[in-house]
């Protein structure tokens, strides 16, 4: 039983930390995501010339454009053919070639996940659909279209220990993107024991990927309940982190979280 629980905790930590390069740090609010929303269908053009940089093979005349066959999806980077739409990637994962389009995910409301919160003062509410997170998105805000706070939830189906989740998440961030851990502790947030993790790594100010040119800081707050984890993620360029952190801290001070934790979760330190 102990070994089984350990494996589940590792999975939970990877879900939180691993997708940062693609998702968890969120794309800039308002930015256009490639191939994430269906575009209006357009009719195929006949007699189109070969794409730049390519030439027809010798001895074979250019073929006329033909409508796509049923059950196929357009390749990434090409306009959709008539009657088809680009595939929508799943949360935290790229779309698979030939995969059927997925329905857009409807953001959750704070009430649906048992939260009462005050939005970051002076920040603009962002479109949750513009963020891809490793879970179910709830809401997002930004002061400048670079820094952001996103709230989302991960369904675990069983309780995760805050301390074990913290240790595994910190290790995953260090090994995955070369993050420098600045704060790593378990503390009370919204009346529950929570993971409290601050890291800095290379990125672009709105995300960390371990190879960008802007030192970027993330503050992870994760509150595990009996069958899920509620996550608050603040991402900011390191240079403006103190100011943004003060706003984030004020938001968390007024947070109320419904639900329960197990005795083991409550005892985590």
C-alpha atoms as a PDB file:
ATOM      1  CA  UNK A   1       0.000   0.000   0.000  1.00  0.00           C
ATOM      2  CA  UNK A   2       2.803   2.440   0.824  1.00  0.00           C
ATOM      3  CA  UNK A   3       4.510   1.814  -2.513  1.00  0.00           C
ATOM      4  CA  UNK A   4       1.238   2.396  -4.374  1.00  0.00           C
ATOM      5  CA  UNK A   5       0.650   5.711  -2.602  1.00  0.00           C
ATOM      6  CA  UNK A   6       4.184   6.818  -3.395  1.00  0.00           C
ATOM      7  CA  UNK A   7       3.626   6.262  -7.110  1.00  0.00           C
ATOM      8  CA  UNK A   8       0.429   8.303  -6.990  1.00  0.00           C
ATOM      9  CA  UNK A   9       2.202  11.177  -5.251  1.00  0.00           C
ATOM     10  CA  UNK A  10       4.889  11.196  -7.915  1.00  0.00           C
ATOM     11  CA  UNK A  11       2.246  11.366 -10.633  1.00  0.00           C
ATOM     12  CA  UNK A  12       0.571  14.252  -8.833  1.00  0.00           C
ATOM     13  CA  UNK A  13       3.840  16.167  -8.625  1.00  0.00           C
ATOM     14  CA  UNK A  14       4.643  15.636 -12.282  1.00  0.00           C
ATOM     15  CA  UNK A  15       1.198  16.865 -13.294  1.00  0.00           C
ATOM     16  CA  UNK A  16       1.843  20.099 -11.436  1.00  0.00           C
ATOM     17  CA  UNK A  17       5.440  20.735 -12.416  1.00  0.00           C
ATOM     18  CA  UNK A  18       6.286  19.023 -15.669  1.00  0.00           C
ATOM     19  CA  UNK A  19       4.045  20.890 -18.162  1.00  0.00           C
ATOM     20  CA  UNK A  20       5.449  24.320 -17.346  1.00  0.00           C
ATOM     21  CA  UNK A  21       7.316  24.676 -20.625  1.00  0.00           C
ATOM     22  CA  UNK A  22       4.118  24.063 -22.575  1.00  0.00           C
ATOM     23  CA  UNK A  23       1.358  25.132 -20.310  1.00  0.00           C
ATOM     24  CA  UNK A  24       1.429  25.551 -16.589  1.00  0.00           C
ATOM     25  CA  UNK A  25       3.140  28.894 -16.765  1.00  0.00           C
ATOM     26  CA  UNK A  26       0.402  29.947 -19.156  1.00  0.00           C
ATOM     27  CA  UNK A  27       0.614  31.765 -22.400  1.00  0.00           C
ATOM     28  CA  UNK A  28       0.444  35.523 -22.345  1.00  0.00           C
ATOM     29  CA  UNK A  29      -3.132  36.704 -21.842  1.00  0.00           C
ATOM     30  CA  UNK A  30      -4.663  37.803 -25.107  1.00  0.00           C
ATOM     31  CA  UNK A  31      -2.059  36.021 -27.209  1.00  0.00           C
ATOM     32  CA  UNK A  32      -3.309  33.992 -30.147  1.00  0.00           C
ATOM     33  CA  UNK A  33      -2.741  30.274 -29.745  1.00  0.00           C
ATOM     34  CA  UNK A  34      -1.936  28.299 -32.848  1.00  0.00           C
ATOM     35  CA  UNK A  35      -4.407  25.565 -33.743  1.00  0.00           C
ATOM     36  CA  UNK A  36      -6.351  25.775 -30.490  1.00  0.00           C
ATOM     37  CA  UNK A  37      -9.634  27.102 -31.748  1.00  0.00           C
ATOM     38  CA  UNK A  38     -11.683  26.035 -34.793  1.00  0.00           C
ATOM     39  CA  UNK A  39     -11.501  28.510 -37.637  1.00  0.00           C
ATOM     40  CA  UNK A  40     -14.265  29.236 -40.095  1.00  0.00           C
ATOM     41  CA  UNK A  41     -14.352  26.694 -42.843  1.00  0.00           C
ATOM     42  CA  UNK A  42     -12.957  27.829 -46.180  1.00  0.00           C
ATOM     43  CA  UNK A  43     -13.376  26.289 -49.569  1.00  0.00           C
ATOM     44  CA  UNK A  44     -10.305  24.676 -51.140  1.00  0.00           C
ATOM     45  CA  UNK A  45      -8.682  26.722 -53.916  1.00  0.00           C
ATOM     46  CA  UNK A  46      -8.135  25.037 -57.242  1.00  0.00           C
ATOM     47  CA  UNK A  47      -4.935  25.354 -59.140  1.00  0.00           C
ATOM     48  CA  UNK A  48      -2.862  26.526 -56.215  1.00  0.00           C
ATOM     49  CA  UNK A  49       0.852  26.868 -56.822  1.00  0.00           C
ATOM     50  CA  UNK A  50       3.390  24.763 -54.906  1.00  0.00           C
ATOM     51  CA  UNK A  51       4.482  26.231 -51.580  1.00  0.00           C
ATOM     52  CA  UNK A  52       7.563  28.384 -51.546  1.00  0.00           C
ATOM     53  CA  UNK A  53      10.759  26.378 -51.387  1.00  0.00           C
ATOM     54  CA  UNK A  54       9.274  23.267 -52.996  1.00  0.00           C
ATOM     55  CA  UNK A  55       9.185  22.137 -56.614  1.00  0.00           C
ATOM     56  CA  UNK A  56       7.158  19.411 -58.290  1.00  0.00           C
ATOM     57  CA  UNK A  57       9.002  16.162 -58.798  1.00  0.00           C
ATOM     58  CA  UNK A  58      10.382  15.636 -62.302  1.00  0.00           C
ATOM     59  CA  UNK A  59       8.029  13.854 -64.630  1.00  0.00           C
ATOM     60  CA  UNK A  60       4.920  14.347 -62.536  1.00  0.00           C
ATOM     61  CA  UNK A  61       2.463  17.151 -63.316  1.00  0.00           C
ATOM     62  CA  UNK A  62       1.034  19.109 -60.387  1.00  0.00           C
ATOM     63  CA  UNK A  63      -2.167  17.562 -59.128  1.00  0.00           C
ATOM     64  CA  UNK A  64      -5.330  19.556 -58.880  1.00  0.00           C
ATOM     65  CA  UNK A  65      -6.511  20.319 -55.377  1.00  0.00           C
ATOM     66  CA  UNK A  66      -8.956  17.779 -54.039  1.00  0.00           C
ATOM     67  CA  UNK A  67     -11.235  17.918 -50.994  1.00  0.00           C
ATOM     68  CA  UNK A  68      -9.932  16.111 -47.878  1.00  0.00           C
ATOM     69  CA  UNK A  69     -10.949  12.523 -47.346  1.00  0.00           C
ATOM     70  CA  UNK A  70     -13.370  11.778 -44.563  1.00  0.00           C
ATOM     71  CA  UNK A  71     -11.762  11.195 -41.169  1.00  0.00           C
ATOM     72  CA  UNK A  72      -8.587  13.175 -41.848  1.00  0.00           C
ATOM     73  CA  UNK A  73      -7.550  16.463 -40.228  1.00  0.00           C
ATOM     74  CA  UNK A  74      -5.408  19.205 -41.777  1.00  0.00           C
ATOM     75  CA  UNK A  75      -1.742  19.234 -40.882  1.00  0.00           C
ATOM     76  CA  UNK A  76      -0.450  21.835 -38.439  1.00  0.00           C
ATOM     77  CA  UNK A  77       0.343  25.114 -40.139  1.00  0.00           C
ATOM     78  CA  UNK A  78      -1.990  24.597 -43.129  1.00  0.00           C
ATOM     79  CA  UNK A  79      -5.410  26.246 -43.518  1.00  0.00           C
ATOM     80  CA  UNK A  80      -8.365  23.958 -42.856  1.00  0.00           C
ATOM     81  CA  UNK A  81     -10.018  22.416 -45.890  1.00  0.00           C
ATOM     82  CA  UNK A  82     -13.724  22.672 -46.485  1.00  0.00           C
ATOM     83  CA  UNK A  83     -15.822  21.016 -43.819  1.00  0.00           C
ATOM     84  CA  UNK A  84     -12.920  20.406 -41.443  1.00  0.00           C
ATOM     85  CA  UNK A  85     -11.521  22.248 -38.431  1.00  0.00           C
ATOM     86  CA  UNK A  86      -8.083  22.209 -36.804  1.00  0.00           C
ATOM     87  CA  UNK A  87      -7.719  19.771 -33.921  1.00  0.00           C
ATOM     88  CA  UNK A  88      -7.945  21.235 -30.426  1.00  0.00           C
ATOM     89  CA  UNK A  89      -5.057  20.103 -28.180  1.00  0.00           C
ATOM     90  CA  UNK A  90      -5.885  18.438 -24.892  1.00  0.00           C
ATOM     91  CA  UNK A  91      -4.872  20.288 -21.721  1.00  0.00           C
ATOM     92  CA  UNK A  92      -1.135  20.232 -21.267  1.00  0.00           C
ATOM     93  CA  UNK A  93      -0.502  17.987 -24.282  1.00  0.00           C
ATOM     94  CA  UNK A  94      -0.010  18.685 -28.000  1.00  0.00           C
ATOM     95  CA  UNK A  95      -2.611  17.539 -30.485  1.00  0.00           C
ATOM     96  CA  UNK A  96      -1.874  14.160 -32.045  1.00  0.00           C
ATOM     97  CA  UNK A  97      -1.742  13.944 -35.852  1.00  0.00           C
ATOM     98  CA  UNK A  98      -5.064  12.765 -37.198  1.00  0.00           C
ATOM     99  CA  UNK A  99      -6.796  13.160 -33.843  1.00  0.00           C
ATOM    100  CA  UNK A 100     -10.438  14.187 -33.905  1.00  0.00           C
ATOM    101  CA  UNK A 101     -11.146  17.795 -32.821  1.00  0.00           C
ATOM    102  CA  UNK A 102     -11.973  18.082 -29.131  1.00  0.00           C
ATOM    103  CA  UNK A 103     -14.673  20.330 -27.743  1.00  0.00           C
ATOM    104  CA  UNK A 104     -13.418  23.543 -26.095  1.00  0.00           C
ATOM    105  CA  UNK A 105     -13.137  23.242 -22.322  1.00  0.00           C
ATOM    106  CA  UNK A 106     -15.593  25.415 -20.395  1.00  0.00           C
ATOM    107  CA  UNK A 107     -13.812  27.233 -17.539  1.00  0.00           C
ATOM    108  CA  UNK A 108     -14.991  26.424 -14.035  1.00  0.00           C
ATOM    109  CA  UNK A 109     -16.261  29.126 -11.724  1.00  0.00           C
ATOM    110  CA  UNK A 110     -14.713  29.663  -8.283  1.00  0.00           C
ATOM    111  CA  UNK A 111     -17.988  28.528  -6.726  1.00  0.00           C
ATOM    112  CA  UNK A 112     -17.863  25.238  -8.630  1.00  0.00           C
ATOM    113  CA  UNK A 113     -14.553  24.350  -6.992  1.00  0.00           C
ATOM    114  CA  UNK A 114     -15.463  25.699  -3.566  1.00  0.00           C
ATOM    115  CA  UNK A 115     -13.547  28.990  -3.591  1.00  0.00           C
ATOM    116  CA  UNK A 116     -14.351  32.439  -2.298  1.00  0.00           C
ATOM    117  CA  UNK A 117     -11.660  34.862  -3.372  1.00  0.00           C
ATOM    118  CA  UNK A 118     -10.925  38.492  -4.078  1.00  0.00           C
ATOM    119  CA  UNK A 119      -9.299  39.006  -7.502  1.00  0.00           C
ATOM    120  CA  UNK A 120      -5.835  40.602  -7.578  1.00  0.00           C
ATOM    121  CA  UNK A 121      -6.411  44.306  -7.023  1.00  0.00           C
ATOM    122  CA  UNK A 122      -5.762  46.435 -10.109  1.00  0.00           C
ATOM    123  CA  UNK A 123      -5.269  43.419 -12.408  1.00  0.00           C
ATOM    124  CA  UNK A 124      -7.409  42.746 -15.461  1.00  0.00           C
ATOM    125  CA  UNK A 125      -9.348  39.508 -15.725  1.00  0.00           C
ATOM    126  CA  UNK A 126      -8.041  37.405 -18.595  1.00  0.00           C
ATOM    127  CA  UNK A 127      -9.786  34.967 -20.884  1.00  0.00           C
ATOM    128  CA  UNK A 128      -9.271  31.532 -19.283  1.00  0.00           C
ATOM    129  CA  UNK A 129      -9.434  29.982 -22.764  1.00  0.00           C
ATOM    130  CA  UNK A 130      -6.138  31.744 -23.568  1.00  0.00           C
ATOM    131  CA  UNK A 131      -4.346  29.640 -20.936  1.00  0.00           C
ATOM    132  CA  UNK A 132      -3.473  25.967 -21.139  1.00  0.00           C
ATOM    133  CA  UNK A 133      -2.939  24.333 -17.754  1.00  0.00           C
ATOM    134  CA  UNK A 134      -2.407  20.760 -16.516  1.00  0.00           C
ATOM    135  CA  UNK A 135      -5.917  20.574 -15.097  1.00  0.00           C
ATOM    136  CA  UNK A 136      -9.298  22.279 -15.342  1.00  0.00           C
ATOM    137  CA  UNK A 137      -8.942  26.051 -15.675  1.00  0.00           C
ATOM    138  CA  UNK A 138     -10.999  28.328 -13.464  1.00  0.00           C
ATOM    139  CA  UNK A 139      -9.883  31.934 -13.841  1.00  0.00           C
ATOM    140  CA  UNK A 140      -6.926  34.158 -14.712  1.00  0.00           C
ATOM    141  CA  UNK A 141      -5.732  37.748 -14.288  1.00  0.00           C
ATOM    142  CA  UNK A 142      -2.831  39.874 -15.501  1.00  0.00           C
ATOM    143  CA  UNK A 143      -1.566  43.410 -14.806  1.00  0.00           C
ATOM    144  CA  UNK A 144       0.384  43.837 -18.031  1.00  0.00           C
ATOM    145  CA  UNK A 145      -0.179  40.869 -20.405  1.00  0.00           C
ATOM    146  CA  UNK A 146       3.058  39.322 -19.132  1.00  0.00           C
ATOM    147  CA  UNK A 147       2.713  38.461 -15.446  1.00  0.00           C
ATOM    148  CA  UNK A 148      -0.331  36.388 -14.525  1.00  0.00           C
ATOM    149  CA  UNK A 149      -2.235  34.548 -11.838  1.00  0.00           C
ATOM    150  CA  UNK A 150      -4.141  31.451 -12.898  1.00  0.00           C
ATOM    151  CA  UNK A 151      -6.383  29.220 -10.798  1.00  0.00           C
ATOM    152  CA  UNK A 152      -7.101  25.628 -11.782  1.00  0.00           C
ATOM    153  CA  UNK A 153      -7.921  22.258 -10.237  1.00  0.00           C
ATOM    154  CA  UNK A 154      -6.569  18.748 -10.728  1.00  0.00           C
ATOM    155  CA  UNK A 155      -8.788  15.744 -10.050  1.00  0.00           C
ATOM    156  CA  UNK A 156      -6.769  13.126  -8.153  1.00  0.00           C
ATOM    157  CA  UNK A 157      -9.490  10.796  -6.908  1.00  0.00           C
ATOM    158  CA  UNK A 158      -7.732  10.455  -3.547  1.00  0.00           C
ATOM    159  CA  UNK A 159      -5.944  12.642  -0.984  1.00  0.00           C
ATOM    160  CA  UNK A 160      -2.354  13.729  -1.632  1.00  0.00           C
ATOM    161  CA  UNK A 161      -0.054  14.723   1.220  1.00  0.00           C
ATOM    162  CA  UNK A 162       1.028  18.385   0.972  1.00  0.00           C
ATOM    163  CA  UNK A 163       4.618  17.678   2.122  1.00  0.00           C
ATOM    164  CA  UNK A 164       5.181  14.806  -0.302  1.00  0.00           C
ATOM    165  CA  UNK A 165       3.616  16.814  -3.124  1.00  0.00           C
ATOM    166  CA  UNK A 166       5.848  19.795  -2.291  1.00  0.00           C
ATOM    167  CA  UNK A 167       9.064  17.763  -2.251  1.00  0.00           C
ATOM    168  CA  UNK A 168       8.279  15.981  -5.516  1.00  0.00           C
ATOM    169  CA  UNK A 169       7.200  19.216  -7.257  1.00  0.00           C
ATOM    170  CA  UNK A 170      10.349  21.079  -6.202  1.00  0.00           C
ATOM    171  CA  UNK A 171      12.542  18.241  -7.440  1.00  0.00           C
ATOM    172  CA  UNK A 172      10.670  18.053 -10.745  1.00  0.00           C
ATOM    173  CA  UNK A 173      11.141  21.789 -11.319  1.00  0.00           C
ATOM    174  CA  UNK A 174      14.838  21.644 -10.497  1.00  0.00           C
ATOM    175  CA  UNK A 175      15.539  18.706 -12.772  1.00  0.00           C
ATOM    176  CA  UNK A 176      13.103  19.698 -15.524  1.00  0.00           C
ATOM    177  CA  UNK A 177      13.864  23.400 -16.102  1.00  0.00           C
ATOM    178  CA  UNK A 178      16.850  24.024 -13.836  1.00  0.00           C
ATOM    179  CA  UNK A 179      14.761  26.034 -11.396  1.00  0.00           C
ATOM    180  CA  UNK A 180      16.314  27.640  -8.340  1.00  0.00           C
ATOM    181  CA  UNK A 181      14.113  26.949  -5.322  1.00  0.00           C
ATOM    182  CA  UNK A 182      13.749  30.075  -3.198  1.00  0.00           C
ATOM    183  CA  UNK A 183      10.945  29.070  -0.831  1.00  0.00           C
ATOM    184  CA  UNK A 184       9.701  25.554  -0.146  1.00  0.00           C
ATOM    185  CA  UNK A 185       7.351  24.935   2.770  1.00  0.00           C
ATOM    186  CA  UNK A 186       3.943  23.740   3.876  1.00  0.00           C
ATOM    187  CA  UNK A 187       1.742  26.405   5.417  1.00  0.00           C
ATOM    188  CA  UNK A 188      -1.907  27.277   6.037  1.00  0.00           C
ATOM    189  CA  UNK A 189      -3.765  28.832   3.096  1.00  0.00           C
ATOM    190  CA  UNK A 190      -7.520  29.373   3.148  1.00  0.00           C
ATOM    191  CA  UNK A 191      -7.810  27.318   6.326  1.00  0.00           C
ATOM    192  CA  UNK A 192      -6.046  24.258   4.878  1.00  0.00           C
ATOM    193  CA  UNK A 193      -2.499  22.908   4.711  1.00  0.00           C
ATOM    194  CA  UNK A 194      -0.963  23.829   1.374  1.00  0.00           C
ATOM    195  CA  UNK A 195       2.165  23.546  -0.737  1.00  0.00           C
ATOM    196  CA  UNK A 196       4.007  26.912  -0.902  1.00  0.00           C
ATOM    197  CA  UNK A 197       6.763  26.926  -3.517  1.00  0.00           C
ATOM    198  CA  UNK A 198       8.667  29.827  -5.117  1.00  0.00           C
ATOM    199  CA  UNK A 199      11.164  29.105  -7.913  1.00  0.00           C
ATOM    200  CA  UNK A 200      13.127  31.097 -10.478  1.00  0.00           C
ATOM    201  CA  UNK A 201      14.359  29.863 -13.849  1.00  0.00           C
ATOM    202  CA  UNK A 202      15.097  31.022 -17.377  1.00  0.00           C
ATOM    203  CA  UNK A 203      12.055  31.928 -19.438  1.00  0.00           C
ATOM    204  CA  UNK A 204      10.337  34.851 -21.129  1.00  0.00           C
ATOM    205  CA  UNK A 205       8.670  36.552 -18.165  1.00  0.00           C
ATOM    206  CA  UNK A 206       5.310  34.892 -18.832  1.00  0.00           C
ATOM    207  CA  UNK A 207       6.600  31.311 -18.693  1.00  0.00           C
ATOM    208  CA  UNK A 208       9.664  29.355 -17.617  1.00  0.00           C
ATOM    209  CA  UNK A 209      11.321  26.843 -19.907  1.00  0.00           C
ATOM    210  CA  UNK A 210      14.906  26.640 -18.678  1.00  0.00           C
ATOM    211  CA  UNK A 211      16.356  28.278 -21.799  1.00  0.00           C
ATOM    212  CA  UNK A 212      14.829  31.738 -22.274  1.00  0.00           C
ATOM    213  CA  UNK A 213      16.589  35.067 -21.785  1.00  0.00           C
ATOM    214  CA  UNK A 214      14.362  36.494 -19.031  1.00  0.00           C
ATOM    215  CA  UNK A 215      14.733  35.333 -15.437  1.00  0.00           C
ATOM    216  CA  UNK A 216      11.207  34.387 -14.458  1.00  0.00           C
ATOM    217  CA  UNK A 217       9.780  33.590 -11.026  1.00  0.00           C
ATOM    218  CA  UNK A 218       6.802  31.394 -10.248  1.00  0.00           C
ATOM    219  CA  UNK A 219       4.909  31.089  -6.991  1.00  0.00           C
ATOM    220  CA  UNK A 220       2.976  27.820  -6.723  1.00  0.00           C
ATOM    221  CA  UNK A 221       0.283  27.384  -4.070  1.00  0.00           C
ATOM    222  CA  UNK A 222      -1.434  23.989  -4.141  1.00  0.00           C
ATOM    223  CA  UNK A 223      -4.164  22.953  -1.687  1.00  0.00           C
ATOM    224  CA  UNK A 224      -4.811  19.200  -1.761  1.00  0.00           C
ATOM    225  CA  UNK A 225      -8.249  18.091  -0.617  1.00  0.00           C
ATOM    226  CA  UNK A 226      -9.681  14.599  -0.324  1.00  0.00           C
ATOM    227  CA  UNK A 227     -10.044  13.999  -4.064  1.00  0.00           C
ATOM    228  CA  UNK A 228      -8.499  16.984  -5.846  1.00  0.00           C
ATOM    229  CA  UNK A 229      -5.852  19.729  -5.691  1.00  0.00           C
ATOM    230  CA  UNK A 230      -6.684  23.428  -6.094  1.00  0.00           C
ATOM    231  CA  UNK A 231      -3.727  25.310  -7.578  1.00  0.00           C
ATOM    232  CA  UNK A 232      -2.883  29.016  -7.681  1.00  0.00           C
ATOM    233  CA  UNK A 233       0.059  29.912  -9.920  1.00  0.00           C
ATOM    234  CA  UNK A 234       1.596  33.378 -10.136  1.00  0.00           C
ATOM    235  CA  UNK A 235       4.204  33.904 -12.869  1.00  0.00           C
ATOM    236  CA  UNK A 236       6.240  37.100 -13.215  1.00  0.00           C
ATOM    237  CA  UNK A 237       9.519  38.455 -14.551  1.00  0.00           C
ATOM    238  CA  UNK A 238      11.950  38.334 -11.644  1.00  0.00           C
ATOM    239  CA  UNK A 239      12.446  42.105 -11.856  1.00  0.00           C
ATOM    240  CA  UNK A 240       8.759  42.806 -11.064  1.00  0.00           C
ATOM    241  CA  UNK A 241       8.186  39.810  -8.800  1.00  0.00           C
ATOM    242  CA  UNK A 242       8.240  41.728  -5.458  1.00  0.00           C
ATOM    243  CA  UNK A 243       5.419  44.023  -6.594  1.00  0.00           C
ATOM    244  CA  UNK A 244       3.358  41.211  -8.114  1.00  0.00           C
ATOM    245  CA  UNK A 245       4.009  38.957  -5.116  1.00  0.00           C
ATOM    246  CA  UNK A 246       2.517  41.564  -2.783  1.00  0.00           C
ATOM    247  CA  UNK A 247      -0.673  41.595  -4.858  1.00  0.00           C
ATOM    248  CA  UNK A 248      -0.767  37.797  -4.933  1.00  0.00           C
ATOM    249  CA  UNK A 249      -0.279  37.595  -1.163  1.00  0.00           C
ATOM    250  CA  UNK A 250      -3.201  39.976  -0.592  1.00  0.00           C
ATOM    251  CA  UNK A 251      -5.380  37.796  -2.780  1.00  0.00           C
ATOM    252  CA  UNK A 252      -4.479  34.679  -0.807  1.00  0.00           C
ATOM    253  CA  UNK A 253      -5.136  36.359   2.545  1.00  0.00           C
ATOM    254  CA  UNK A 254      -8.815  36.737   1.698  1.00  0.00           C
ATOM    255  CA  UNK A 255      -9.156  33.225   0.262  1.00  0.00           C
ATOM    256  CA  UNK A 256     -11.727  30.771   1.648  1.00  0.00           C
ATOM    257  CA  UNK A 257     -11.651  27.136   0.527  1.00  0.00           C
ATOM    258  CA  UNK A 258     -14.527  24.693   0.979  1.00  0.00           C
ATOM    259  CA  UNK A 259     -14.089  20.947   1.324  1.00  0.00           C
ATOM    260  CA  UNK A 260     -12.118  18.816   3.753  1.00  0.00           C
ATOM    261  CA  UNK A 261      -8.667  17.398   4.282  1.00  0.00           C
ATOM    262  CA  UNK A 262      -7.799  14.071   5.844  1.00  0.00           C
ATOM    263  CA  UNK A 263      -6.086  13.945   9.270  1.00  0.00           C
ATOM    264  CA  UNK A 264      -2.806  13.140   7.472  1.00  0.00           C
ATOM    265  CA  UNK A 265      -3.157  16.167   5.205  1.00  0.00           C
ATOM    266  CA  UNK A 266      -3.971  18.429   8.155  1.00  0.00           C
ATOM    267  CA  UNK A 267      -0.891  17.162  10.023  1.00  0.00           C
ATOM    268  CA  UNK A 268       1.542  17.818   7.156  1.00  0.00           C
ATOM    269  CA  UNK A 269       4.453  20.077   8.066  1.00  0.00           C
END
